[in-house]
Structure formats: C-alpha cells, structure tokens
PDB file of N, CA and C in Angstrom:
ATOM      1  N   MET A   1      24.192 -62.010 -60.046  1.00  0.00           N
ATOM      2  CA  MET A   1      23.020 -61.534 -60.615  1.00  0.00           C
ATOM      3  C   MET A   1      21.794 -61.882 -59.836  1.00  0.00           C
ATOM      4  N   SER A   2      20.989 -61.018 -59.786  1.00  0.00           N
ATOM      5  CA  SER A   2      19.536 -61.337 -58.817  1.00  0.00           C
ATOM      6  C   SER A   2      18.541 -62.082 -59.714  1.00  0.00           C
ATOM      7  N   ARG A   3      17.787 -62.627 -59.092  1.00  0.00           N
ATOM      8  CA  ARG A   3      16.743 -63.539 -59.657  1.00  0.00           C
ATOM      9  C   ARG A   3      15.266 -62.942 -59.450  1.00  0.00           C
ATOM     10  N   ILE A   4      14.320 -63.437 -60.140  1.00  0.00           N
ATOM     11  CA  ILE A   4      12.978 -62.864 -60.011  1.00  0.00           C
ATOM     12  C   ILE A   4      12.036 -64.166 -59.906  1.00  0.00           C
ATOM     13  N   ARG A   5      11.183 -64.093 -58.951  1.00  0.00           N
ATOM     14  CA  ARG A   5      10.155 -65.145 -58.948  1.00  0.00           C
ATOM     15  C   ARG A   5       8.928 -64.454 -59.532  1.00  0.00           C
ATOM     16  N   ILE A   6       8.259 -65.169 -60.461  1.00  0.00           N
ATOM     17  CA  ILE A   6       6.940 -64.703 -61.271  1.00  0.00           C
ATOM     18  C   ILE A   6       5.877 -65.893 -60.949  1.00  0.00           C
ATOM     19  N   THR A   7       4.819 -65.183 -60.512  1.00  0.00           N
ATOM     20  CA  THR A   7       3.613 -66.127 -60.280  1.00  0.00           C
ATOM     21  C   THR A   7       2.398 -65.561 -61.108  1.00  0.00           C
ATOM     22  N   TRP A   8       1.840 -66.413 -61.874  1.00  0.00           N
ATOM     23  CA  TRP A   8       0.661 -66.326 -62.676  1.00  0.00           C
ATOM     24  C   TRP A   8      -0.495 -66.228 -61.753  1.00  0.00           C
ATOM     25  N   LYS A   9      -1.045 -65.034 -61.943  1.00  0.00           N
ATOM     26  CA  LYS A   9      -2.388 -64.811 -60.974  1.00  0.00           C
ATOM     27  C   LYS A   9      -3.701 -64.574 -61.663  1.00  0.00           C
ATOM     28  N   LYS A  10      -3.581 -64.216 -62.868  1.00  0.00           N
ATOM     29  CA  LYS A  10      -4.950 -63.767 -63.582  1.00  0.00           C
ATOM     30  C   LYS A  10      -4.982 -64.599 -64.921  1.00  0.00           C
ATOM     31  N   SER A  11      -6.086 -65.269 -65.285  1.00  0.00           N
ATOM     32  CA  SER A  11      -6.169 -65.943 -66.505  1.00  0.00           C
ATOM     33  C   SER A  11      -5.975 -65.153 -67.858  1.00  0.00           C
ATOM     34  N   THR A  12      -5.698 -65.707 -68.750  1.00  0.00           N
ATOM     35  CA  THR A  12      -5.512 -65.024 -70.194  1.00  0.00           C
ATOM     36  C   THR A  12      -6.679 -65.253 -71.017  1.00  0.00           C
ATOM     37  N   ILE A  13      -7.976 -65.604 -70.560  1.00  0.00           N
ATOM     38  CA  ILE A  13      -8.977 -65.563 -71.282  1.00  0.00           C
ATOM     39  C   ILE A  13      -9.486 -64.148 -71.442  1.00  0.00           C
ATOM     40  N   SER A  14      -9.733 -63.980 -72.680  1.00  0.00           N
ATOM     41  CA  SER A  14     -10.169 -62.535 -73.313  1.00  0.00           C
ATOM     42  C   SER A  14      -8.954 -61.580 -73.585  1.00  0.00           C
ATOM     43  N   HIS A  15      -7.773 -62.208 -73.365  1.00  0.00           N
ATOM     44  CA  HIS A  15      -6.584 -61.375 -73.636  1.00  0.00           C
ATOM     45  C   HIS A  15      -6.002 -61.727 -74.867  1.00  0.00           C
ATOM     46  N   PRO A  16      -5.322 -60.796 -75.446  1.00  0.00           N
ATOM     47  CA  PRO A  16      -4.573 -61.084 -76.844  1.00  0.00           C
ATOM     48  C   PRO A  16      -3.798 -62.200 -76.848  1.00  0.00           C
ATOM     49  N   GLU A  17      -3.550 -62.889 -78.012  1.00  0.00           N
ATOM     50  CA  GLU A  17      -2.748 -64.150 -78.136  1.00  0.00           C
ATOM     51  C   GLU A  17      -1.271 -63.770 -77.787  1.00  0.00           C
ATOM     52  N   ARG A  18      -0.839 -62.514 -78.043  1.00  0.00           N
ATOM     53  CA  ARG A  18       0.568 -62.050 -77.889  1.00  0.00           C
ATOM     54  C   ARG A  18       0.752 -62.235 -76.209  1.00  0.00           C
ATOM     55  N   GLN A  19      -0.107 -61.851 -75.434  1.00  0.00           N
ATOM     56  CA  GLN A  19      -0.044 -61.958 -74.116  1.00  0.00           C
ATOM     57  C   GLN A  19       0.047 -63.638 -73.613  1.00  0.00           C
ATOM     58  N   ARG A  20      -0.884 -64.309 -74.146  1.00  0.00           N
ATOM     59  CA  ARG A  20      -0.745 -65.789 -73.976  1.00  0.00           C
ATOM     60  C   ARG A  20       0.559 -66.320 -74.204  1.00  0.00           C
ATOM     61  N   ARG A  21       1.058 -65.896 -75.320  1.00  0.00           N
ATOM     62  CA  ARG A  21       2.179 -66.500 -75.712  1.00  0.00           C
ATOM     63  C   ARG A  21       3.467 -66.101 -74.810  1.00  0.00           C
ATOM     64  N   CYS A  22       3.405 -64.716 -74.266  1.00  0.00           N
ATOM     65  CA  CYS A  22       4.369 -64.142 -73.299  1.00  0.00           C
ATOM     66  C   CYS A  22       4.338 -65.220 -72.010  1.00  0.00           C
ATOM     67  N   ILE A  23       3.063 -65.362 -71.489  1.00  0.00           N
ATOM     68  CA  ILE A  23       3.053 -66.149 -70.363  1.00  0.00           C
ATOM     69  C   ILE A  23       3.552 -67.561 -70.424  1.00  0.00           C
ATOM     70  N   ARG A  24       3.528 -68.195 -71.632  1.00  0.00           N
ATOM     71  CA  ARG A  24       3.963 -69.417 -72.146  1.00  0.00           C
ATOM     72  C   ARG A  24       5.509 -69.379 -72.264  1.00  0.00           C
ATOM     73  N   ALA A  25       5.895 -68.355 -72.636  1.00  0.00           N
ATOM     74  CA  ALA A  25       7.430 -68.092 -72.930  1.00  0.00           C
ATOM     75  C   ALA A  25       8.110 -67.887 -71.534  1.00  0.00           C
ATOM     76  N   LEU A  26       7.568 -67.252 -70.566  1.00  0.00           N
ATOM     77  CA  LEU A  26       8.051 -67.295 -69.132  1.00  0.00           C
ATOM     78  C   LEU A  26       8.096 -68.559 -68.546  1.00  0.00           C
ATOM     79  N   GLY A  27       7.397 -69.607 -69.031  1.00  0.00           N
ATOM     80  CA  GLY A  27       7.498 -70.940 -68.438  1.00  0.00           C
ATOM     81  C   GLY A  27       6.268 -71.274 -67.559  1.00  0.00           C
ATOM     82  N   LEU A  28       5.389 -70.378 -67.569  1.00  0.00           N
ATOM     83  CA  LEU A  28       4.133 -70.527 -66.642  1.00  0.00           C
ATOM     84  C   LEU A  28       3.196 -71.561 -67.287  1.00  0.00           C
ATOM     85  N   LYS A  29       2.712 -72.496 -66.504  1.00  0.00           N
ATOM     86  CA  LYS A  29       1.873 -73.674 -66.997  1.00  0.00           C
ATOM     87  C   LYS A  29       0.349 -73.332 -66.524  1.00  0.00           C
ATOM     88  N   LYS A  30       0.105 -73.140 -65.268  1.00  0.00           N
ATOM     89  CA  LYS A  30      -1.082 -72.877 -64.728  1.00  0.00           C
ATOM     90  C   LYS A  30      -1.278 -71.919 -63.883  1.00  0.00           C
ATOM     91  N   LEU A  31      -2.524 -71.453 -63.440  1.00  0.00           N
ATOM     92  CA  LEU A  31      -2.776 -70.270 -62.443  1.00  0.00           C
ATOM     93  C   LEU A  31      -2.062 -70.630 -61.165  1.00  0.00           C
ATOM     94  N   ASN A  32      -1.487 -69.643 -60.586  1.00  0.00           N
ATOM     95  CA  ASN A  32      -0.770 -69.793 -59.254  1.00  0.00           C
ATOM     96  C   ASN A  32       0.552 -70.595 -59.461  1.00  0.00           C
ATOM     97  N   HIS A  33       1.069 -70.704 -60.595  1.00  0.00           N
ATOM     98  CA  HIS A  33       2.174 -71.633 -60.901  1.00  0.00           C
ATOM     99  C   HIS A  33       3.364 -70.594 -60.743  1.00  0.00           C
ATOM    100  N   SER A  34       4.471 -70.845 -60.123  1.00  0.00           N
ATOM    101  CA  SER A  34       5.660 -69.803 -60.167  1.00  0.00           C
ATOM    102  C   SER A  34       6.943 -70.454 -60.804  1.00  0.00           C
ATOM    103  N   VAL A  35       7.621 -69.532 -61.357  1.00  0.00           N
ATOM    104  CA  VAL A  35       8.901 -69.763 -61.920  1.00  0.00           C
ATOM    105  C   VAL A  35       9.959 -68.859 -61.339  1.00  0.00           C
ATOM    106  N   ILE A  36      11.296 -69.252 -61.512  1.00  0.00           N
ATOM    107  CA  ILE A  36      12.344 -68.363 -61.132  1.00  0.00           C
ATOM    108  C   ILE A  36      13.210 -68.040 -62.295  1.00  0.00           C
ATOM    109  N   HIS A  37      13.556 -66.939 -62.628  1.00  0.00           N
ATOM    110  CA  HIS A  37      14.331 -66.420 -63.828  1.00  0.00           C
ATOM    111  C   HIS A  37      15.409 -65.458 -63.269  1.00  0.00           C
ATOM    112  N   ASP A  38      16.539 -65.543 -64.085  1.00  0.00           N
ATOM    113  CA  ASP A  38      17.546 -64.503 -63.997  1.00  0.00           C
ATOM    114  C   ASP A  38      16.916 -63.167 -64.261  1.00  0.00           C
ATOM    115  N   ASP A  39      17.406 -62.061 -63.657  1.00  0.00           N
ATOM    116  CA  ASP A  39      16.905 -60.736 -63.961  1.00  0.00           C
ATOM    117  C   ASP A  39      17.716 -60.092 -65.126  1.00  0.00           C
ATOM    118  N   THR A  40      17.065 -60.287 -66.225  1.00  0.00           N
ATOM    119  CA  THR A  40      17.587 -59.781 -67.603  1.00  0.00           C
ATOM    120  C   THR A  40      16.675 -58.881 -68.237  1.00  0.00           C
ATOM    121  N   PRO A  41      17.134 -58.082 -69.128  1.00  0.00           N
ATOM    122  CA  PRO A  41      16.161 -57.007 -69.748  1.00  0.00           C
ATOM    123  C   PRO A  41      15.197 -57.843 -70.708  1.00  0.00           C
ATOM    124  N   GLN A  42      15.460 -58.901 -71.063  1.00  0.00           N
ATOM    125  CA  GLN A  42      14.432 -59.733 -72.013  1.00  0.00           C
ATOM    126  C   GLN A  42      13.407 -60.368 -71.002  1.00  0.00           C
ATOM    127  N   ILE A  43      13.558 -60.723 -69.779  1.00  0.00           N
ATOM    128  CA  ILE A  43      12.395 -61.116 -68.781  1.00  0.00           C
ATOM    129  C   ILE A  43      11.891 -59.973 -68.260  1.00  0.00           C
ATOM    130  N   ARG A  44      12.634 -58.987 -68.047  1.00  0.00           N
ATOM    131  CA  ARG A  44      11.876 -57.704 -67.645  1.00  0.00           C
ATOM    132  C   ARG A  44      10.878 -57.124 -68.694  1.00  0.00           C
ATOM    133  N   GLY A  45      11.146 -57.327 -69.805  1.00  0.00           N
ATOM    134  CA  GLY A  45      10.217 -56.789 -70.962  1.00  0.00           C
ATOM    135  C   GLY A  45       9.048 -57.760 -71.108  1.00  0.00           C
ATOM    136  N   MET A  46       9.139 -58.945 -70.756  1.00  0.00           N
ATOM    137  CA  MET A  46       8.127 -59.997 -70.941  1.00  0.00           C
ATOM    138  C   MET A  46       7.207 -59.662 -69.646  1.00  0.00           C
ATOM    139  N   ILE A  47       7.846 -59.397 -68.465  1.00  0.00           N
ATOM    140  CA  ILE A  47       7.160 -59.014 -66.969  1.00  0.00           C
ATOM    141  C   ILE A  47       6.249 -57.693 -67.487  1.00  0.00           C
ATOM    142  N   ARG A  48       6.854 -56.789 -68.163  1.00  0.00           N
ATOM    143  CA  ARG A  48       6.191 -55.486 -68.392  1.00  0.00           C
ATOM    144  C   ARG A  48       5.025 -55.736 -69.335  1.00  0.00           C
ATOM    145  N   ALA A  49       4.999 -56.716 -70.409  1.00  0.00           N
ATOM    146  CA  ALA A  49       3.990 -56.963 -71.128  1.00  0.00           C
ATOM    147  C   ALA A  49       2.804 -57.576 -70.520  1.00  0.00           C
ATOM    148  N   VAL A  50       2.932 -58.275 -69.521  1.00  0.00           N
ATOM    149  CA  VAL A  50       1.883 -58.999 -68.839  1.00  0.00           C
ATOM    150  C   VAL A  50       1.715 -58.729 -67.304  1.00  0.00           C
ATOM    151  N   ALA A  51       2.075 -57.582 -66.929  1.00  0.00           N
ATOM    152  CA  ALA A  51       2.259 -57.157 -65.608  1.00  0.00           C
ATOM    153  C   ALA A  51       0.766 -57.355 -64.844  1.00  0.00           C
ATOM    154  N   HIS A  52      -0.083 -57.131 -65.628  1.00  0.00           N
ATOM    155  CA  HIS A  52      -1.554 -57.093 -64.980  1.00  0.00           C
ATOM    156  C   HIS A  52      -2.100 -58.533 -64.887  1.00  0.00           C
ATOM    157  N   LEU A  53      -1.308 -59.562 -65.215  1.00  0.00           N
ATOM    158  CA  LEU A  53      -1.622 -60.928 -65.011  1.00  0.00           C
ATOM    159  C   LEU A  53      -0.898 -61.682 -64.152  1.00  0.00           C
ATOM    160  N   ILE A  54       0.280 -60.995 -63.710  1.00  0.00           N
ATOM    161  CA  ILE A  54       1.263 -61.811 -62.807  1.00  0.00           C
ATOM    162  C   ILE A  54       1.651 -61.035 -61.768  1.00  0.00           C
ATOM    163  N   GLU A  55       2.267 -61.640 -60.546  1.00  0.00           N
ATOM    164  CA  GLU A  55       2.904 -61.084 -59.647  1.00  0.00           C
ATOM    165  C   GLU A  55       4.325 -61.359 -59.605  1.00  0.00           C
ATOM    166  N   TRP A  56       5.134 -60.453 -59.300  1.00  0.00           N
ATOM    167  CA  TRP A  56       6.701 -60.897 -59.359  1.00  0.00           C
ATOM    168  C   TRP A  56       7.451 -60.244 -58.135  1.00  0.00           C
ATOM    169  N   ASP A  57       8.394 -60.708 -57.718  1.00  0.00           N
ATOM    170  CA  ASP A  57       9.297 -60.179 -56.817  1.00  0.00           C
ATOM    171  C   ASP A  57      10.728 -60.470 -56.880  1.00  0.00           C
ATOM    172  N   ILE A  58      11.620 -59.782 -56.212  1.00  0.00           N
ATOM    173  CA  ILE A  58      13.134 -60.291 -56.420  1.00  0.00           C
ATOM    174  C   ILE A  58      13.483 -61.047 -55.372  1.00  0.00           C
ATOM    175  N   VAL A  59      14.341 -62.337 -55.700  1.00  0.00           N
ATOM    176  CA  VAL A  59      14.526 -63.340 -54.825  1.00  0.00           C
ATOM    177  C   VAL A  59      16.071 -63.143 -54.446  1.00  0.00           C
ATOM    178  N   ASP A  60      16.466 -63.323 -53.261  1.00  0.00           N
ATOM    179  CA  ASP A  60      17.826 -63.268 -52.775  1.00  0.00           C
ATOM    180  C   ASP A  60      18.614 -64.264 -52.768  1.00  0.00           C
TER     181      ASP A  60
END
C-alpha cells in the first residue's frame, strides 16, 4: 500500500470550523508540520476537503 505525506501550509484562520477539524483529524499540529498516512479513501477525502490549505505527495 502506498503512503501519503501531508504538510500543512496555510493557516485555518477565517476558514470554517469543519476544515479546522479536518486538519486536526489528519494529525497536523502546526504550520509546516508533516505527517505520513496510508493512502485510503478516507484520507483522500480529508485531503480533498482541505486541499487549499495543505501540500501532499506520495511517498515510496
């Protein structure tokens, strides 16, 4: 199974609470913090919801 590296790049100030909760659910704590998750449909859905706030790439 492939893995995805997600990095939080833009603040959630002035964004809806739902997007803030999604950032927290991904395990991101501060700006420029990165986490690695398995590539699952649930994670892809969260990435899609906050794509304008994060950067992501597939890790081999």
